[in-house]
Amino acid sequence: MHNPFSIYWNKNWTFQIVHMEGGIYIEAKGLGVLIRKPLLATESPFTAADNLVLSEDKNRKFLFNSWKSKRTKSSNCF
């Protein structure tokens, strides 16, 4: 595995394993954002990277749907 690496089903993201603050972290860069979480001893880098992007994707969808529902409600007031 190379550092940085990518996962074929997450083409918009690149991942890197970094050592900082006395721990090992998995770092994801993509779609204009950088996210990081600790890499646990029981996780493979690929699983950790996939879970990191999955949680970010869920968060983005939640925020988009929240914004969309507020916009729909406010346009019905007129």
N, C-alpha and C. Protein backbone atom coordinates (compact mmCIF):
# COMPACT_ATOMS: atom_id res chain seq x y z
N MET A 1 0.84 -1.17 0.00
CA MET A 1 0.00 0.00 0.00
C MET A 1 0.89 1.24 0.00
N HIS A 2 0.55 2.18 -0.84
CA HIS A 2 1.28 3.44 -0.92
C HIS A 2 0.64 4.47 -0.01
N ASN A 3 1.39 5.43 0.39
CA ASN A 3 0.88 6.52 1.20
C ASN A 3 1.11 7.81 0.42
N PRO A 4 0.17 8.53 -0.08
CA PRO A 4 -1.28 8.38 0.04
C PRO A 4 -1.82 7.27 -0.87
N PHE A 5 -2.99 6.76 -0.50
CA PHE A 5 -3.62 5.70 -1.26
C PHE A 5 -5.05 6.09 -1.59
N SER A 6 -5.67 5.32 -2.46
CA SER A 6 -7.06 5.59 -2.82
C SER A 6 -7.82 4.27 -2.84
N ILE A 7 -9.12 4.37 -2.80
CA ILE A 7 -10.01 3.20 -2.87
C ILE A 7 -10.82 3.36 -4.14
N TYR A 8 -10.91 2.33 -4.93
CA TYR A 8 -11.53 2.47 -6.25
C TYR A 8 -12.99 2.87 -6.19
N TRP A 9 -13.73 2.57 -5.13
CA TRP A 9 -15.13 2.98 -5.05
C TRP A 9 -15.32 4.37 -4.48
N ASN A 10 -14.24 4.99 -4.02
CA ASN A 10 -14.26 6.38 -3.55
C ASN A 10 -13.26 7.18 -4.38
N LYS A 11 -13.56 7.38 -5.63
CA LYS A 11 -12.61 7.99 -6.56
C LYS A 11 -12.31 9.46 -6.25
N ASN A 12 -13.22 10.16 -5.60
CA ASN A 12 -13.01 11.58 -5.33
C ASN A 12 -12.16 11.84 -4.09
N TRP A 13 -11.73 10.79 -3.41
CA TRP A 13 -11.00 10.94 -2.16
C TRP A 13 -9.61 10.31 -2.26
N THR A 14 -8.64 10.92 -1.58
CA THR A 14 -7.34 10.29 -1.38
C THR A 14 -7.13 10.17 0.13
N PHE A 15 -6.44 9.14 0.52
CA PHE A 15 -6.26 8.83 1.94
C PHE A 15 -4.77 8.76 2.25
N GLN A 16 -4.48 9.08 3.50
CA GLN A 16 -3.09 9.07 3.94
C GLN A 16 -3.06 8.65 5.39
N ILE A 17 -2.07 7.86 5.75
CA ILE A 17 -1.86 7.48 7.14
C ILE A 17 -0.81 8.43 7.69
N VAL A 18 -1.15 9.13 8.77
CA VAL A 18 -0.23 10.12 9.34
C VAL A 18 0.03 9.81 10.81
N HIS A 19 1.21 10.16 11.25
CA HIS A 19 1.57 10.01 12.66
C HIS A 19 1.66 11.41 13.25
N MET A 20 0.79 11.70 14.19
CA MET A 20 0.80 13.01 14.82
C MET A 20 0.18 12.93 16.21
N GLU A 21 0.59 13.82 17.07
CA GLU A 21 0.07 13.90 18.44
C GLU A 21 0.16 12.57 19.18
N GLY A 22 1.19 11.81 18.91
CA GLY A 22 1.40 10.55 19.61
C GLY A 22 0.50 9.43 19.16
N GLY A 23 -0.14 9.55 18.02
CA GLY A 23 -1.02 8.50 17.53
C GLY A 23 -0.96 8.38 16.02
N ILE A 24 -1.63 7.37 15.51
CA ILE A 24 -1.70 7.15 14.07
C ILE A 24 -3.12 7.48 13.63
N TYR A 25 -3.23 8.30 12.59
CA TYR A 25 -4.51 8.77 12.10
C TYR A 25 -4.66 8.41 10.63
N ILE A 26 -5.91 8.28 10.21
CA ILE A 26 -6.23 8.15 8.80
C ILE A 26 -6.79 9.50 8.37
N GLU A 27 -6.30 10.02 7.28
CA GLU A 27 -6.69 11.35 6.82
C GLU A 27 -7.26 11.22 5.41
N ALA A 28 -8.40 11.86 5.19
CA ALA A 28 -9.05 11.82 3.88
C ALA A 28 -9.13 13.23 3.31
N LYS A 29 -8.79 13.36 2.03
CA LYS A 29 -8.88 14.65 1.34
C LYS A 29 -9.74 14.44 0.11
N GLY A 30 -10.72 15.30 -0.03
CA GLY A 30 -11.56 15.23 -1.22
C GLY A 30 -12.77 16.12 -1.09
N LEU A 31 -13.33 16.51 -2.24
CA LEU A 31 -14.52 17.34 -2.30
C LEU A 31 -14.35 18.62 -1.50
N GLY A 32 -13.14 19.14 -1.46
CA GLY A 32 -12.87 20.40 -0.78
C GLY A 32 -12.81 20.32 0.73
N VAL A 33 -12.61 19.16 1.26
CA VAL A 33 -12.60 18.99 2.71
C VAL A 33 -11.49 18.03 3.12
N LEU A 34 -10.99 18.19 4.33
CA LEU A 34 -10.00 17.30 4.91
C LEU A 34 -10.55 16.80 6.23
N ILE A 35 -10.66 15.49 6.38
CA ILE A 35 -11.16 14.92 7.63
C ILE A 35 -10.15 13.90 8.14
N ARG A 36 -10.15 13.72 9.45
CA ARG A 36 -9.15 12.86 10.09
C ARG A 36 -9.78 12.16 11.28
N LYS A 37 -9.37 10.92 11.50
CA LYS A 37 -9.79 10.19 12.70
C LYS A 37 -8.69 9.21 13.10
N PRO A 38 -8.65 8.84 14.37
CA PRO A 38 -7.61 7.89 14.80
C PRO A 38 -7.79 6.53 14.13
N LEU A 39 -6.70 5.92 13.78
CA LEU A 39 -6.72 4.58 13.22
C LEU A 39 -6.56 3.60 14.38
N LEU A 40 -7.57 2.80 14.60
CA LEU A 40 -7.54 1.83 15.69
C LEU A 40 -6.69 0.63 15.32
N ALA A 41 -6.17 -0.05 16.32
CA ALA A 41 -5.31 -1.22 16.08
C ALA A 41 -6.09 -2.36 15.44
N THR A 42 -7.40 -2.41 15.65
CA THR A 42 -8.21 -3.51 15.12
C THR A 42 -8.75 -3.23 13.71
N GLU A 43 -8.52 -2.02 13.18
CA GLU A 43 -9.04 -1.64 11.87
C GLU A 43 -7.97 -1.76 10.80
N SER A 44 -8.41 -2.17 9.63
CA SER A 44 -7.51 -2.09 8.48
C SER A 44 -7.60 -0.67 7.93
N PRO A 45 -6.57 -0.19 7.27
CA PRO A 45 -6.63 1.17 6.71
C PRO A 45 -7.76 1.34 5.70
N PHE A 46 -8.05 0.31 4.92
CA PHE A 46 -9.12 0.41 3.93
C PHE A 46 -10.49 0.51 4.58
N THR A 47 -10.73 -0.26 5.62
CA THR A 47 -12.00 -0.20 6.35
C THR A 47 -12.16 1.15 7.04
N ALA A 48 -11.11 1.63 7.67
CA ALA A 48 -11.15 2.92 8.34
C ALA A 48 -11.42 4.05 7.35
N ALA A 49 -10.78 3.99 6.19
CA ALA A 49 -10.97 5.01 5.16
C ALA A 49 -12.41 4.98 4.65
N ASP A 50 -12.93 3.80 4.41
CA ASP A 50 -14.30 3.67 3.93
C ASP A 50 -15.29 4.20 4.96
N ASN A 51 -15.11 3.87 6.22
CA ASN A 51 -16.01 4.35 7.27
C ASN A 51 -15.92 5.86 7.45
N LEU A 52 -14.74 6.40 7.28
CA LEU A 52 -14.55 7.85 7.41
C LEU A 52 -15.34 8.60 6.33
N VAL A 53 -15.25 8.13 5.10
CA VAL A 53 -15.96 8.77 4.00
C VAL A 53 -17.46 8.52 4.12
N LEU A 54 -17.86 7.34 4.57
CA LEU A 54 -19.28 7.04 4.75
C LEU A 54 -19.91 7.98 5.76
N SER A 55 -19.24 8.22 6.88
CA SER A 55 -19.80 9.13 7.89
C SER A 55 -19.88 10.56 7.36
N GLU A 56 -18.88 10.98 6.59
CA GLU A 56 -18.90 12.33 5.99
C GLU A 56 -20.03 12.45 4.97
N ASP A 57 -20.25 11.40 4.19
CA ASP A 57 -21.32 11.40 3.19
C ASP A 57 -22.69 11.48 3.87
N LYS A 58 -22.87 10.72 4.95
CA LYS A 58 -24.14 10.79 5.69
C LYS A 58 -24.37 12.18 6.25
N ASN A 59 -23.31 12.79 6.78
CA ASN A 59 -23.42 14.14 7.33
C ASN A 59 -23.80 15.15 6.25
N ARG A 60 -23.17 15.06 5.09
CA ARG A 60 -23.49 15.98 3.98
C ARG A 60 -24.93 15.81 3.51
N LYS A 61 -25.40 14.56 3.41
CA LYS A 61 -26.78 14.32 2.97
C LYS A 61 -27.77 14.86 3.99
N PHE A 62 -27.48 14.68 5.27
CA PHE A 62 -28.35 15.20 6.32
C PHE A 62 -28.44 16.72 6.24
N LEU A 63 -27.29 17.39 6.09
CA LEU A 63 -27.28 18.84 6.00
C LEU A 63 -28.00 19.33 4.75
N PHE A 64 -27.82 18.66 3.64
CA PHE A 64 -28.50 19.05 2.40
C PHE A 64 -30.00 18.90 2.54
N ASN A 65 -30.45 17.76 3.10
CA ASN A 65 -31.89 17.54 3.26
C ASN A 65 -32.49 18.52 4.26
N SER A 66 -31.74 18.88 5.28
CA SER A 66 -32.20 19.87 6.25
C SER A 66 -32.37 21.23 5.58
N TRP A 67 -31.39 21.62 4.78
CA TRP A 67 -31.46 22.89 4.06
C TRP A 67 -32.62 22.88 3.07
N LYS A 68 -32.80 21.77 2.38
CA LYS A 68 -33.85 21.65 1.38
C LYS A 68 -35.23 21.73 2.01
N SER A 69 -35.42 21.09 3.16
CA SER A 69 -36.74 21.12 3.82
C SER A 69 -37.03 22.52 4.37
N LYS A 70 -36.04 23.24 4.88
CA LYS A 70 -36.24 24.61 5.35
C LYS A 70 -36.61 25.53 4.19
N ARG A 71 -35.97 25.32 3.07
CA ARG A 71 -36.26 26.14 1.89
C ARG A 71 -37.67 25.90 1.40
N THR A 72 -38.13 24.65 1.40
CA THR A 72 -39.48 24.32 0.95
C THR A 72 -40.52 24.91 1.90
N LYS A 73 -40.27 24.82 3.20
CA LYS A 73 -41.21 25.36 4.18
C LYS A 73 -41.31 26.88 4.07
N SER A 74 -40.17 27.55 3.88
CA SER A 74 -40.21 29.02 3.81
C SER A 74 -40.86 29.50 2.51
N SER A 75 -40.77 28.74 1.43
CA SER A 75 -41.41 29.17 0.18
C SER A 75 -42.91 28.95 0.22
N ASN A 76 -43.40 28.08 1.09
CA ASN A 76 -44.83 27.86 1.23
C ASN A 76 -45.51 28.96 2.05
N CYS A 77 -44.75 29.77 2.75
CA CYS A 77 -45.31 30.82 3.61
C CYS A 77 -45.88 31.98 2.79
N PHE A 78 -45.43 32.18 1.55
CA PHE A 78 -45.87 33.32 0.76
C PHE A 78 -47.13 33.03 0.10
